[in-house]
Amino acid sequence: MRAEGVSVALTGASGIQYGLRLIQCLARAGEPVHVLASAAARHVAALEIDTELPREAEALTAALEAHLGLGAGALSAYAEDQWTAPLASGSGAPRRMAICPCTTGTLAAVAGGHSDSLIERAADVVLKERGRLVVVPRETPLSTIHLEHMLSLARMGATVLPASPGFYHRPAAVGDLVDFVVARALDHLEVAHGLGPQWGGSGPG
């Protein structure tokens, strides 16, 4: 049976705050959330938010729920090599996935159809099943090869959503900039939220 909800992969690009906030918002919206974290993402978490993310699935689930203020059972986390996870099969994976933040290495692997980790395999499954894949690269400047990989994924139907916050909403804190990008990701995952007004409106978007 296909898993419900949304898969979120955290990779080693700077900006793990984007991915963690996305997970938190999805869980609070009542979406079952399936989480993957690469070894590089765990390293970035220690550098950027002084948080140790365990490798083991159960420990990672508990650590993320505690860090994000979520109740037990809000998330399901998987190890990078947990090939028995539902995310590895077209018959079991959710039809929606975000890689947030997305390294250029992960971008290249997914665009090339590689499946050397569960993150890459999960993204490949979403693409082949004609699901909704959102990749949030956080890199600057971009080389020609980065742009070519983004173009390839866009042609496959993925949404390439760079972590490039706007300023027209007059952000007062770093969290406002994070929420700007997360709101756009939620829009493309078709999840309702109240992270800020839509352009031209005054209500939550």
N, C-alpha and C. Protein backbone atom coordinates (compact mmCIF):
# COMPACT_ATOMS: atom_id res chain seq x y z
N MET A 1 0.84 -1.20 0.00
CA MET A 1 0.00 0.00 0.00
C MET A 1 0.88 1.24 0.00
N ARG A 2 0.52 2.23 -0.83
CA ARG A 2 1.31 3.45 -0.93
C ARG A 2 1.22 4.28 0.35
N ALA A 3 2.37 4.78 0.84
CA ALA A 3 2.39 5.63 2.02
C ALA A 3 1.77 6.99 1.70
N GLU A 4 1.05 7.53 2.65
CA GLU A 4 0.48 8.86 2.51
C GLU A 4 1.49 9.91 2.92
N GLY A 5 1.19 11.17 2.60
CA GLY A 5 2.00 12.27 3.10
C GLY A 5 3.08 12.74 2.14
N VAL A 6 4.16 13.26 2.72
CA VAL A 6 5.24 13.89 1.96
C VAL A 6 6.58 13.39 2.48
N SER A 7 7.50 13.11 1.57
CA SER A 7 8.88 12.78 1.95
C SER A 7 9.71 14.05 1.92
N VAL A 8 10.57 14.22 2.91
CA VAL A 8 11.48 15.36 2.93
C VAL A 8 12.90 14.84 3.15
N ALA A 9 13.79 15.18 2.23
CA ALA A 9 15.19 14.79 2.35
C ALA A 9 16.03 16.00 2.71
N LEU A 10 16.84 15.85 3.73
CA LEU A 10 17.80 16.87 4.14
C LEU A 10 19.16 16.46 3.61
N THR A 11 19.80 17.31 2.80
CA THR A 11 21.14 17.00 2.31
C THR A 11 22.12 18.04 2.83
N GLY A 12 23.37 17.96 2.39
CA GLY A 12 24.42 18.72 3.03
C GLY A 12 24.63 20.14 2.59
N ALA A 13 23.70 20.73 1.85
CA ALA A 13 23.82 22.15 1.52
C ALA A 13 23.59 22.99 2.77
N SER A 14 24.19 24.16 2.80
CA SER A 14 23.90 25.08 3.90
C SER A 14 22.43 25.46 3.85
N GLY A 15 21.85 25.68 5.03
CA GLY A 15 20.45 26.06 5.08
C GLY A 15 19.55 24.93 5.54
N ILE A 16 20.03 24.11 6.48
CA ILE A 16 19.21 23.02 6.99
C ILE A 16 17.95 23.56 7.67
N GLN A 17 18.00 24.84 8.05
CA GLN A 17 16.82 25.46 8.67
C GLN A 17 15.60 25.41 7.74
N TYR A 18 15.83 25.51 6.44
CA TYR A 18 14.71 25.43 5.49
C TYR A 18 14.02 24.07 5.59
N GLY A 19 14.82 23.01 5.56
CA GLY A 19 14.26 21.68 5.59
C GLY A 19 13.56 21.37 6.90
N LEU A 20 14.15 21.79 8.00
CA LEU A 20 13.55 21.52 9.31
C LEU A 20 12.23 22.27 9.47
N ARG A 21 12.19 23.50 9.02
CA ARG A 21 10.94 24.26 9.10
C ARG A 21 9.87 23.65 8.21
N LEU A 22 10.29 23.16 7.04
CA LEU A 22 9.33 22.50 6.14
C LEU A 22 8.74 21.26 6.81
N ILE A 23 9.59 20.46 7.43
CA ILE A 23 9.11 19.27 8.14
C ILE A 23 8.12 19.66 9.23
N GLN A 24 8.47 20.69 9.98
CA GLN A 24 7.60 21.13 11.08
C GLN A 24 6.24 21.60 10.55
N CYS A 25 6.25 22.37 9.49
CA CYS A 25 4.99 22.88 8.93
C CYS A 25 4.13 21.75 8.36
N LEU A 26 4.76 20.80 7.69
CA LEU A 26 4.01 19.67 7.15
C LEU A 26 3.35 18.86 8.26
N ALA A 27 4.11 18.59 9.31
CA ALA A 27 3.57 17.81 10.42
C ALA A 27 2.42 18.55 11.10
N ARG A 28 2.58 19.84 11.27
CA ARG A 28 1.52 20.63 11.92
C ARG A 28 0.29 20.77 11.04
N ALA A 29 0.48 20.59 9.73
CA ALA A 29 -0.66 20.61 8.81
C ALA A 29 -1.37 19.26 8.75
N GLY A 30 -0.86 18.30 9.52
CA GLY A 30 -1.49 16.99 9.56
C GLY A 30 -1.00 16.03 8.50
N GLU A 31 0.07 16.38 7.81
CA GLU A 31 0.62 15.50 6.78
C GLU A 31 1.56 14.47 7.42
N PRO A 32 1.42 13.20 7.12
CA PRO A 32 2.45 12.24 7.52
C PRO A 32 3.77 12.62 6.83
N VAL A 33 4.85 12.71 7.60
CA VAL A 33 6.12 13.17 7.05
C VAL A 33 7.15 12.05 7.14
N HIS A 34 7.79 11.78 6.01
CA HIS A 34 8.83 10.75 5.92
C HIS A 34 10.15 11.47 5.70
N VAL A 35 11.09 11.29 6.63
CA VAL A 35 12.31 12.10 6.63
C VAL A 35 13.55 11.26 6.34
N LEU A 36 14.41 11.82 5.50
CA LEU A 36 15.71 11.25 5.19
C LEU A 36 16.77 12.31 5.45
N ALA A 37 17.90 11.91 6.00
CA ALA A 37 18.99 12.85 6.24
C ALA A 37 20.30 12.21 5.83
N SER A 38 21.04 12.88 4.96
CA SER A 38 22.32 12.35 4.52
C SER A 38 23.37 12.56 5.59
N ALA A 39 24.51 11.89 5.44
CA ALA A 39 25.61 12.06 6.38
C ALA A 39 26.07 13.52 6.38
N ALA A 40 26.10 14.12 5.21
CA ALA A 40 26.51 15.53 5.12
C ALA A 40 25.50 16.44 5.81
N ALA A 41 24.22 16.11 5.73
CA ALA A 41 23.19 16.90 6.41
C ALA A 41 23.37 16.84 7.92
N ARG A 42 23.74 15.68 8.42
CA ARG A 42 23.97 15.55 9.86
C ARG A 42 25.16 16.41 10.28
N HIS A 43 26.16 16.48 9.43
CA HIS A 43 27.33 17.32 9.72
C HIS A 43 26.93 18.80 9.72
N VAL A 44 26.12 19.20 8.73
CA VAL A 44 25.67 20.60 8.65
C VAL A 44 24.81 20.96 9.86
N ALA A 45 23.98 20.03 10.33
CA ALA A 45 23.15 20.31 11.50
C ALA A 45 24.01 20.64 12.71
N ALA A 46 25.11 19.92 12.87
CA ALA A 46 26.01 20.22 13.99
C ALA A 46 26.65 21.59 13.84
N LEU A 47 26.95 21.99 12.60
CA LEU A 47 27.59 23.29 12.36
C LEU A 47 26.61 24.46 12.47
N GLU A 48 25.40 24.29 11.92
CA GLU A 48 24.49 25.44 11.78
C GLU A 48 23.49 25.59 12.92
N ILE A 49 23.11 24.48 13.55
CA ILE A 49 22.10 24.60 14.61
C ILE A 49 22.52 23.90 15.90
N ASP A 50 23.80 23.51 15.97
CA ASP A 50 24.34 22.86 17.17
C ASP A 50 23.49 21.67 17.61
N THR A 51 23.05 20.88 16.64
CA THR A 51 22.20 19.73 16.93
C THR A 51 22.78 18.48 16.29
N GLU A 52 22.87 17.43 17.07
CA GLU A 52 23.33 16.15 16.56
C GLU A 52 22.14 15.35 16.04
N LEU A 53 22.18 14.99 14.79
CA LEU A 53 21.14 14.15 14.20
C LEU A 53 21.68 12.73 14.09
N PRO A 54 21.08 11.77 14.80
CA PRO A 54 21.58 10.40 14.76
C PRO A 54 21.41 9.77 13.38
N ARG A 55 22.20 8.75 13.12
CA ARG A 55 22.10 8.03 11.85
C ARG A 55 20.95 7.03 11.88
N GLU A 56 20.74 6.38 13.02
CA GLU A 56 19.74 5.33 13.12
C GLU A 56 18.34 5.91 13.01
N ALA A 57 17.46 5.17 12.34
CA ALA A 57 16.12 5.68 12.02
C ALA A 57 15.31 6.08 13.26
N GLU A 58 15.22 5.20 14.24
CA GLU A 58 14.39 5.49 15.41
C GLU A 58 14.94 6.66 16.19
N ALA A 59 16.25 6.70 16.36
CA ALA A 59 16.87 7.80 17.10
C ALA A 59 16.72 9.12 16.35
N LEU A 60 16.83 9.07 15.02
CA LEU A 60 16.66 10.28 14.21
C LEU A 60 15.23 10.80 14.32
N THR A 61 14.27 9.89 14.27
CA THR A 61 12.87 10.29 14.42
C THR A 61 12.65 11.01 15.74
N ALA A 62 13.13 10.43 16.83
CA ALA A 62 12.94 11.02 18.16
C ALA A 62 13.65 12.36 18.28
N ALA A 63 14.86 12.45 17.72
CA ALA A 63 15.63 13.70 17.82
C ALA A 63 14.94 14.83 17.06
N LEU A 64 14.43 14.53 15.87
CA LEU A 64 13.75 15.56 15.09
C LEU A 64 12.44 15.98 15.75
N GLU A 65 11.68 15.04 16.26
CA GLU A 65 10.42 15.39 16.93
C GLU A 65 10.68 16.29 18.13
N ALA A 66 11.73 15.97 18.89
CA ALA A 66 12.06 16.79 20.06
C ALA A 66 12.53 18.18 19.64
N HIS A 67 13.41 18.24 18.63
CA HIS A 67 13.96 19.53 18.18
C HIS A 67 12.87 20.45 17.61
N LEU A 68 11.90 19.86 16.93
CA LEU A 68 10.86 20.65 16.26
C LEU A 68 9.60 20.83 17.10
N GLY A 69 9.61 20.30 18.31
CA GLY A 69 8.45 20.46 19.19
C GLY A 69 7.23 19.71 18.71
N LEU A 70 7.44 18.53 18.14
CA LEU A 70 6.34 17.72 17.62
C LEU A 70 6.09 16.53 18.54
N GLY A 71 4.88 16.06 18.55
CA GLY A 71 4.54 14.91 19.36
C GLY A 71 5.08 13.63 18.77
N ALA A 72 5.16 12.61 19.60
CA ALA A 72 5.61 11.30 19.14
C ALA A 72 4.67 10.78 18.06
N GLY A 73 5.26 10.23 17.02
CA GLY A 73 4.46 9.69 15.92
C GLY A 73 4.22 10.67 14.79
N ALA A 74 4.73 11.91 14.93
CA ALA A 74 4.52 12.92 13.88
C ALA A 74 5.36 12.64 12.65
N LEU A 75 6.49 11.95 12.83
CA LEU A 75 7.43 11.72 11.74
C LEU A 75 7.79 10.24 11.63
N SER A 76 8.27 9.88 10.46
CA SER A 76 8.92 8.58 10.25
C SER A 76 10.24 8.85 9.55
N ALA A 77 11.34 8.58 10.22
CA ALA A 77 12.65 8.81 9.62
C ALA A 77 13.27 7.49 9.21
N TYR A 78 14.16 7.56 8.22
CA TYR A 78 14.79 6.36 7.68
C TYR A 78 16.29 6.60 7.55
N ALA A 79 17.04 5.52 7.68
CA ALA A 79 18.49 5.59 7.45
C ALA A 79 18.75 5.64 5.95
N GLU A 80 19.93 6.20 5.60
CA GLU A 80 20.26 6.37 4.17
C GLU A 80 20.31 5.06 3.39
N ASP A 81 20.64 3.98 4.08
CA ASP A 81 20.76 2.69 3.39
C ASP A 81 19.63 1.74 3.76
N GLN A 82 18.49 2.28 4.19
CA GLN A 82 17.36 1.45 4.60
C GLN A 82 16.51 1.11 3.37
N TRP A 83 16.99 0.17 2.60
CA TRP A 83 16.38 -0.13 1.30
C TRP A 83 15.02 -0.80 1.42
N THR A 84 14.65 -1.24 2.62
CA THR A 84 13.32 -1.82 2.81
C THR A 84 12.27 -0.75 3.11
N ALA A 85 12.67 0.52 3.17
CA ALA A 85 11.72 1.60 3.44
C ALA A 85 10.73 1.72 2.29
N PRO A 86 9.48 2.12 2.58
CA PRO A 86 8.49 2.26 1.51
C PRO A 86 8.89 3.27 0.44
N LEU A 87 9.78 4.20 0.79
CA LEU A 87 10.19 5.23 -0.16
C LEU A 87 10.99 4.67 -1.33
N ALA A 88 11.48 3.43 -1.18
CA ALA A 88 12.32 2.84 -2.23
C ALA A 88 11.52 2.15 -3.32
N SER A 89 10.21 2.11 -3.18
CA SER A 89 9.39 1.36 -4.14
C SER A 89 8.25 2.20 -4.67
N GLY A 90 8.00 2.07 -5.96
CA GLY A 90 6.88 2.79 -6.57
C GLY A 90 5.54 2.39 -6.00
N SER A 91 5.45 1.19 -5.44
CA SER A 91 4.19 0.73 -4.87
C SER A 91 3.98 1.23 -3.45
N GLY A 92 5.04 1.81 -2.83
CA GLY A 92 4.92 2.21 -1.44
C GLY A 92 5.21 3.66 -1.13
N ALA A 93 5.91 4.35 -2.03
CA ALA A 93 6.37 5.72 -1.73
C ALA A 93 5.26 6.75 -1.87
N PRO A 94 5.28 7.80 -1.03
CA PRO A 94 4.37 8.92 -1.25
C PRO A 94 4.61 9.55 -2.61
N ARG A 95 3.61 10.20 -3.16
CA ARG A 95 3.73 10.81 -4.48
C ARG A 95 4.33 12.21 -4.43
N ARG A 96 4.61 12.71 -3.23
CA ARG A 96 5.18 14.05 -3.09
C ARG A 96 6.49 13.98 -2.30
N MET A 97 7.49 14.74 -2.76
CA MET A 97 8.78 14.75 -2.09
C MET A 97 9.45 16.09 -2.28
N ALA A 98 10.15 16.54 -1.23
CA ALA A 98 10.99 17.74 -1.31
C ALA A 98 12.39 17.39 -0.86
N ILE A 99 13.38 17.85 -1.61
CA ILE A 99 14.78 17.75 -1.19
C ILE A 99 15.17 19.16 -0.78
N CYS A 100 15.30 19.38 0.52
CA CYS A 100 15.38 20.75 1.04
C CYS A 100 16.25 20.79 2.31
N PRO A 101 17.44 21.39 2.21
CA PRO A 101 18.07 21.93 1.01
C PRO A 101 18.67 20.81 0.16
N CYS A 102 18.93 21.13 -1.09
CA CYS A 102 19.45 20.15 -2.05
C CYS A 102 20.85 20.54 -2.48
N THR A 103 21.82 19.67 -2.23
CA THR A 103 23.18 19.94 -2.70
C THR A 103 23.25 19.80 -4.22
N THR A 104 24.26 20.38 -4.80
CA THR A 104 24.44 20.23 -6.25
C THR A 104 24.82 18.79 -6.59
N GLY A 105 25.45 18.08 -5.65
CA GLY A 105 25.76 16.68 -5.87
C GLY A 105 24.50 15.83 -5.94
N THR A 106 23.56 16.09 -5.02
CA THR A 106 22.29 15.37 -5.05
C THR A 106 21.51 15.74 -6.30
N LEU A 107 21.56 17.01 -6.67
CA LEU A 107 20.90 17.48 -7.89
C LEU A 107 21.40 16.69 -9.10
N ALA A 108 22.72 16.53 -9.18
CA ALA A 108 23.32 15.80 -10.30
C ALA A 108 22.91 14.33 -10.28
N ALA A 109 22.93 13.73 -9.09
CA ALA A 109 22.60 12.31 -8.99
C ALA A 109 21.15 12.04 -9.39
N VAL A 110 20.24 12.89 -8.94
CA VAL A 110 18.83 12.71 -9.27
C VAL A 110 18.60 12.96 -10.76
N ALA A 111 19.22 14.00 -11.30
CA ALA A 111 19.06 14.30 -12.73
C ALA A 111 19.61 13.17 -13.59
N GLY A 112 20.66 12.49 -13.09
CA GLY A 112 21.26 11.41 -13.85
C GLY A 112 20.65 10.05 -13.61
N GLY A 113 19.65 9.99 -12.71
CA GLY A 113 18.98 8.73 -12.44
C GLY A 113 19.76 7.78 -11.56
N HIS A 114 20.74 8.29 -10.80
CA HIS A 114 21.50 7.43 -9.90
C HIS A 114 20.67 7.10 -8.66
N SER A 115 20.96 5.98 -8.05
CA SER A 115 20.23 5.57 -6.84
C SER A 115 21.19 4.94 -5.85
N ASP A 116 22.25 5.67 -5.53
CA ASP A 116 23.28 5.15 -4.63
C ASP A 116 22.92 5.34 -3.16
N SER A 117 21.88 6.09 -2.87
CA SER A 117 21.40 6.25 -1.51
C SER A 117 19.88 6.22 -1.54
N LEU A 118 19.27 6.07 -0.38
CA LEU A 118 17.81 6.05 -0.34
C LEU A 118 17.23 7.39 -0.77
N ILE A 119 17.93 8.48 -0.51
CA ILE A 119 17.45 9.80 -0.95
C ILE A 119 17.33 9.82 -2.47
N GLU A 120 18.38 9.39 -3.15
CA GLU A 120 18.36 9.40 -4.61
C GLU A 120 17.32 8.44 -5.17
N ARG A 121 17.20 7.27 -4.55
CA ARG A 121 16.21 6.31 -5.01
C ARG A 121 14.79 6.84 -4.79
N ALA A 122 14.55 7.46 -3.64
CA ALA A 122 13.22 8.00 -3.36
C ALA A 122 12.83 9.06 -4.39
N ALA A 123 13.78 9.93 -4.74
CA ALA A 123 13.51 10.96 -5.75
C ALA A 123 13.25 10.33 -7.11
N ASP A 124 14.03 9.29 -7.45
CA ASP A 124 13.85 8.59 -8.71
C ASP A 124 12.46 7.96 -8.79
N VAL A 125 12.01 7.40 -7.67
CA VAL A 125 10.67 6.78 -7.62
C VAL A 125 9.59 7.82 -7.86
N VAL A 126 9.70 8.97 -7.22
CA VAL A 126 8.69 10.02 -7.41
C VAL A 126 8.63 10.46 -8.87
N LEU A 127 9.79 10.61 -9.49
CA LEU A 127 9.81 11.01 -10.90
C LEU A 127 9.21 9.95 -11.81
N LYS A 128 9.58 8.69 -11.59
CA LYS A 128 9.09 7.64 -12.49
C LYS A 128 7.60 7.38 -12.31
N GLU A 129 7.09 7.66 -11.11
CA GLU A 129 5.67 7.48 -10.83
C GLU A 129 4.86 8.74 -11.18
N ARG A 130 5.51 9.71 -11.79
CA ARG A 130 4.87 10.96 -12.20
C ARG A 130 4.28 11.71 -10.99
N GLY A 131 5.05 11.68 -9.90
CA GLY A 131 4.63 12.41 -8.71
C GLY A 131 5.15 13.83 -8.73
N ARG A 132 5.15 14.46 -7.57
CA ARG A 132 5.54 15.86 -7.45
C ARG A 132 6.84 15.96 -6.66
N LEU A 133 7.93 16.33 -7.35
CA LEU A 133 9.24 16.47 -6.72
C LEU A 133 9.63 17.94 -6.70
N VAL A 134 9.98 18.44 -5.52
CA VAL A 134 10.45 19.81 -5.35
C VAL A 134 11.88 19.77 -4.85
N VAL A 135 12.80 20.39 -5.58
CA VAL A 135 14.18 20.46 -5.14
C VAL A 135 14.51 21.91 -4.80
N VAL A 136 15.16 22.10 -3.66
CA VAL A 136 15.47 23.44 -3.16
C VAL A 136 16.99 23.59 -3.07
N PRO A 137 17.64 23.91 -4.21
CA PRO A 137 19.09 24.08 -4.17
C PRO A 137 19.49 25.35 -3.43
N ARG A 138 20.62 25.26 -2.72
CA ARG A 138 21.14 26.41 -2.00
C ARG A 138 22.63 26.49 -2.35
N GLU A 139 22.91 27.16 -3.46
CA GLU A 139 24.28 27.28 -3.95
C GLU A 139 24.39 28.58 -4.73
N THR A 140 25.56 29.23 -4.64
CA THR A 140 25.78 30.43 -5.44
C THR A 140 27.28 30.69 -5.54
N PRO A 141 27.79 31.08 -6.72
CA PRO A 141 27.10 31.12 -8.00
C PRO A 141 26.86 29.73 -8.54
N LEU A 142 26.12 29.65 -9.62
CA LEU A 142 25.81 28.37 -10.24
C LEU A 142 26.65 28.19 -11.50
N SER A 143 27.23 26.99 -11.64
CA SER A 143 28.01 26.70 -12.84
C SER A 143 27.09 26.23 -13.96
N THR A 144 27.65 26.12 -15.15
CA THR A 144 26.86 25.63 -16.28
C THR A 144 26.30 24.24 -16.01
N ILE A 145 27.09 23.39 -15.39
CA ILE A 145 26.62 22.02 -15.13
C ILE A 145 25.48 22.01 -14.11
N HIS A 146 25.55 22.90 -13.10
CA HIS A 146 24.44 23.00 -12.15
C HIS A 146 23.15 23.38 -12.89
N LEU A 147 23.27 24.37 -13.75
CA LEU A 147 22.10 24.84 -14.49
C LEU A 147 21.56 23.77 -15.43
N GLU A 148 22.46 23.00 -16.05
CA GLU A 148 22.01 21.94 -16.94
C GLU A 148 21.26 20.85 -16.16
N HIS A 149 21.74 20.53 -14.96
CA HIS A 149 21.03 19.54 -14.14
C HIS A 149 19.65 20.06 -13.72
N MET A 150 19.57 21.34 -13.38
CA MET A 150 18.27 21.93 -13.03
C MET A 150 17.32 21.88 -14.23
N LEU A 151 17.84 22.20 -15.41
CA LEU A 151 17.02 22.16 -16.62
C LEU A 151 16.53 20.74 -16.89
N SER A 152 17.42 19.76 -16.71
CA SER A 152 17.02 18.36 -16.91
C SER A 152 15.88 17.97 -15.98
N LEU A 153 16.00 18.34 -14.70
CA LEU A 153 14.96 18.00 -13.73
C LEU A 153 13.66 18.73 -14.05
N ALA A 154 13.76 19.99 -14.45
CA ALA A 154 12.55 20.73 -14.81
C ALA A 154 11.85 20.07 -15.99
N ARG A 155 12.61 19.59 -16.94
CA ARG A 155 12.02 18.90 -18.10
C ARG A 155 11.38 17.58 -17.71
N MET A 156 11.85 16.97 -16.62
CA MET A 156 11.26 15.73 -16.11
C MET A 156 9.98 15.98 -15.31
N GLY A 157 9.70 17.26 -15.04
CA GLY A 157 8.50 17.59 -14.28
C GLY A 157 8.75 18.02 -12.86
N ALA A 158 10.00 18.03 -12.43
CA ALA A 158 10.31 18.49 -11.07
C ALA A 158 10.19 20.01 -10.99
N THR A 159 9.95 20.50 -9.79
CA THR A 159 9.97 21.93 -9.53
C THR A 159 11.31 22.30 -8.92
N VAL A 160 12.04 23.19 -9.58
CA VAL A 160 13.32 23.67 -9.05
C VAL A 160 13.05 25.00 -8.35
N LEU A 161 13.19 24.99 -7.04
CA LEU A 161 12.79 26.12 -6.21
C LEU A 161 14.00 26.58 -5.39
N PRO A 162 14.85 27.44 -5.96
CA PRO A 162 16.05 27.86 -5.23
C PRO A 162 15.71 28.55 -3.91
N ALA A 163 16.58 28.36 -2.93
CA ALA A 163 16.40 29.02 -1.63
C ALA A 163 16.78 30.49 -1.79
N SER A 164 15.87 31.24 -2.38
CA SER A 164 16.12 32.64 -2.72
C SER A 164 14.96 33.49 -2.19
N PRO A 165 15.00 33.84 -0.92
CA PRO A 165 13.86 34.56 -0.33
C PRO A 165 13.71 35.97 -0.87
N GLY A 166 12.46 36.42 -0.94
CA GLY A 166 12.17 37.79 -1.33
C GLY A 166 12.22 38.72 -0.12
N PHE A 167 12.14 40.00 -0.39
CA PHE A 167 12.21 40.99 0.69
C PHE A 167 11.03 41.96 0.67
N TYR A 168 10.09 41.77 -0.28
CA TYR A 168 8.98 42.70 -0.37
C TYR A 168 8.04 42.60 0.82
N HIS A 169 8.12 41.49 1.57
CA HIS A 169 7.28 41.36 2.76
C HIS A 169 7.96 41.97 3.99
N ARG A 170 9.11 42.61 3.79
CA ARG A 170 9.86 43.31 4.83
C ARG A 170 10.16 42.39 6.02
N PRO A 171 11.00 41.40 5.81
CA PRO A 171 11.33 40.46 6.88
C PRO A 171 12.01 41.16 8.05
N ALA A 172 11.61 40.77 9.25
CA ALA A 172 12.19 41.37 10.45
C ALA A 172 13.18 40.44 11.14
N ALA A 173 13.22 39.18 10.72
CA ALA A 173 14.10 38.21 11.36
C ALA A 173 14.47 37.14 10.34
N VAL A 174 15.51 36.39 10.65
CA VAL A 174 15.94 35.31 9.77
C VAL A 174 14.81 34.32 9.53
N GLY A 175 14.01 34.07 10.56
CA GLY A 175 12.90 33.14 10.42
C GLY A 175 11.91 33.56 9.35
N ASP A 176 11.75 34.86 9.15
CA ASP A 176 10.84 35.35 8.10
C ASP A 176 11.38 34.98 6.72
N LEU A 177 12.70 35.01 6.55
CA LEU A 177 13.30 34.64 5.27
C LEU A 177 13.17 33.14 5.03
N VAL A 178 13.36 32.36 6.08
CA VAL A 178 13.18 30.91 5.97
C VAL A 178 11.74 30.60 5.59
N ASP A 179 10.79 31.25 6.27
CA ASP A 179 9.38 30.99 6.00
C ASP A 179 8.98 31.36 4.58
N PHE A 180 9.61 32.36 4.01
CA PHE A 180 9.30 32.75 2.63
C PHE A 180 9.55 31.59 1.67
N VAL A 181 10.70 30.96 1.81
CA VAL A 181 11.05 29.84 0.94
C VAL A 181 10.19 28.62 1.25
N VAL A 182 9.99 28.35 2.53
CA VAL A 182 9.18 27.20 2.93
C VAL A 182 7.75 27.35 2.43
N ALA A 183 7.22 28.56 2.47
CA ALA A 183 5.86 28.80 1.98
C ALA A 183 5.74 28.44 0.51
N ARG A 184 6.74 28.78 -0.28
CA ARG A 184 6.70 28.45 -1.71
C ARG A 184 6.79 26.93 -1.91
N ALA A 185 7.61 26.27 -1.10
CA ALA A 185 7.69 24.82 -1.19
C ALA A 185 6.35 24.18 -0.84
N LEU A 186 5.70 24.66 0.21
CA LEU A 186 4.39 24.14 0.61
C LEU A 186 3.37 24.36 -0.50
N ASP A 187 3.43 25.52 -1.15
CA ASP A 187 2.52 25.79 -2.27
C ASP A 187 2.65 24.70 -3.35
N HIS A 188 3.89 24.37 -3.69
CA HIS A 188 4.12 23.42 -4.77
C HIS A 188 3.89 21.97 -4.35
N LEU A 189 3.86 21.74 -3.05
CA LEU A 189 3.49 20.42 -2.53
C LEU A 189 1.98 20.34 -2.29
N GLU A 190 1.29 21.44 -2.57
CA GLU A 190 -0.16 21.54 -2.42
C GLU A 190 -0.60 21.30 -0.97
N VAL A 191 0.08 21.99 -0.07
CA VAL A 191 -0.25 21.93 1.35
C VAL A 191 -0.61 23.33 1.82
N ALA A 192 -1.78 23.49 2.39
CA ALA A 192 -2.23 24.80 2.88
C ALA A 192 -1.38 25.24 4.06
N HIS A 193 -1.15 26.54 4.15
CA HIS A 193 -0.33 27.07 5.24
C HIS A 193 -0.75 28.52 5.52
N GLY A 194 -0.18 29.07 6.55
CA GLY A 194 -0.45 30.47 6.89
C GLY A 194 0.83 31.21 7.18
N LEU A 195 1.86 30.97 6.37
CA LEU A 195 3.18 31.55 6.65
C LEU A 195 3.33 32.99 6.18
N GLY A 196 2.33 33.53 5.49
CA GLY A 196 2.45 34.91 5.07
C GLY A 196 1.44 35.22 3.98
N PRO A 197 1.21 36.50 3.72
CA PRO A 197 0.24 36.88 2.69
C PRO A 197 0.75 36.56 1.29
N GLN A 198 -0.16 36.18 0.43
CA GLN A 198 0.20 36.01 -0.98
C GLN A 198 0.36 37.37 -1.63
N TRP A 199 1.09 37.39 -2.73
CA TRP A 199 1.30 38.64 -3.46
C TRP A 199 -0.04 39.23 -3.86
N GLY A 200 -0.23 40.50 -3.54
CA GLY A 200 -1.47 41.18 -3.90
C GLY A 200 -2.61 40.94 -2.94
N GLY A 201 -2.35 40.18 -1.86
CA GLY A 201 -3.41 39.91 -0.88
C GLY A 201 -2.98 40.30 0.50
N SER A 202 -3.91 40.28 1.42
CA SER A 202 -3.61 40.66 2.79
C SER A 202 -3.75 39.51 3.76
N GLY A 203 -4.34 38.40 3.29
CA GLY A 203 -4.56 37.26 4.17
C GLY A 203 -3.42 36.29 4.08
N PRO A 204 -3.46 35.24 4.89
CA PRO A 204 -2.39 34.24 4.85
C PRO A 204 -2.38 33.51 3.52
N GLY A 205 -1.18 33.15 3.05
CA GLY A 205 -1.06 32.50 1.77
C GLY A 205 -0.69 31.04 1.88
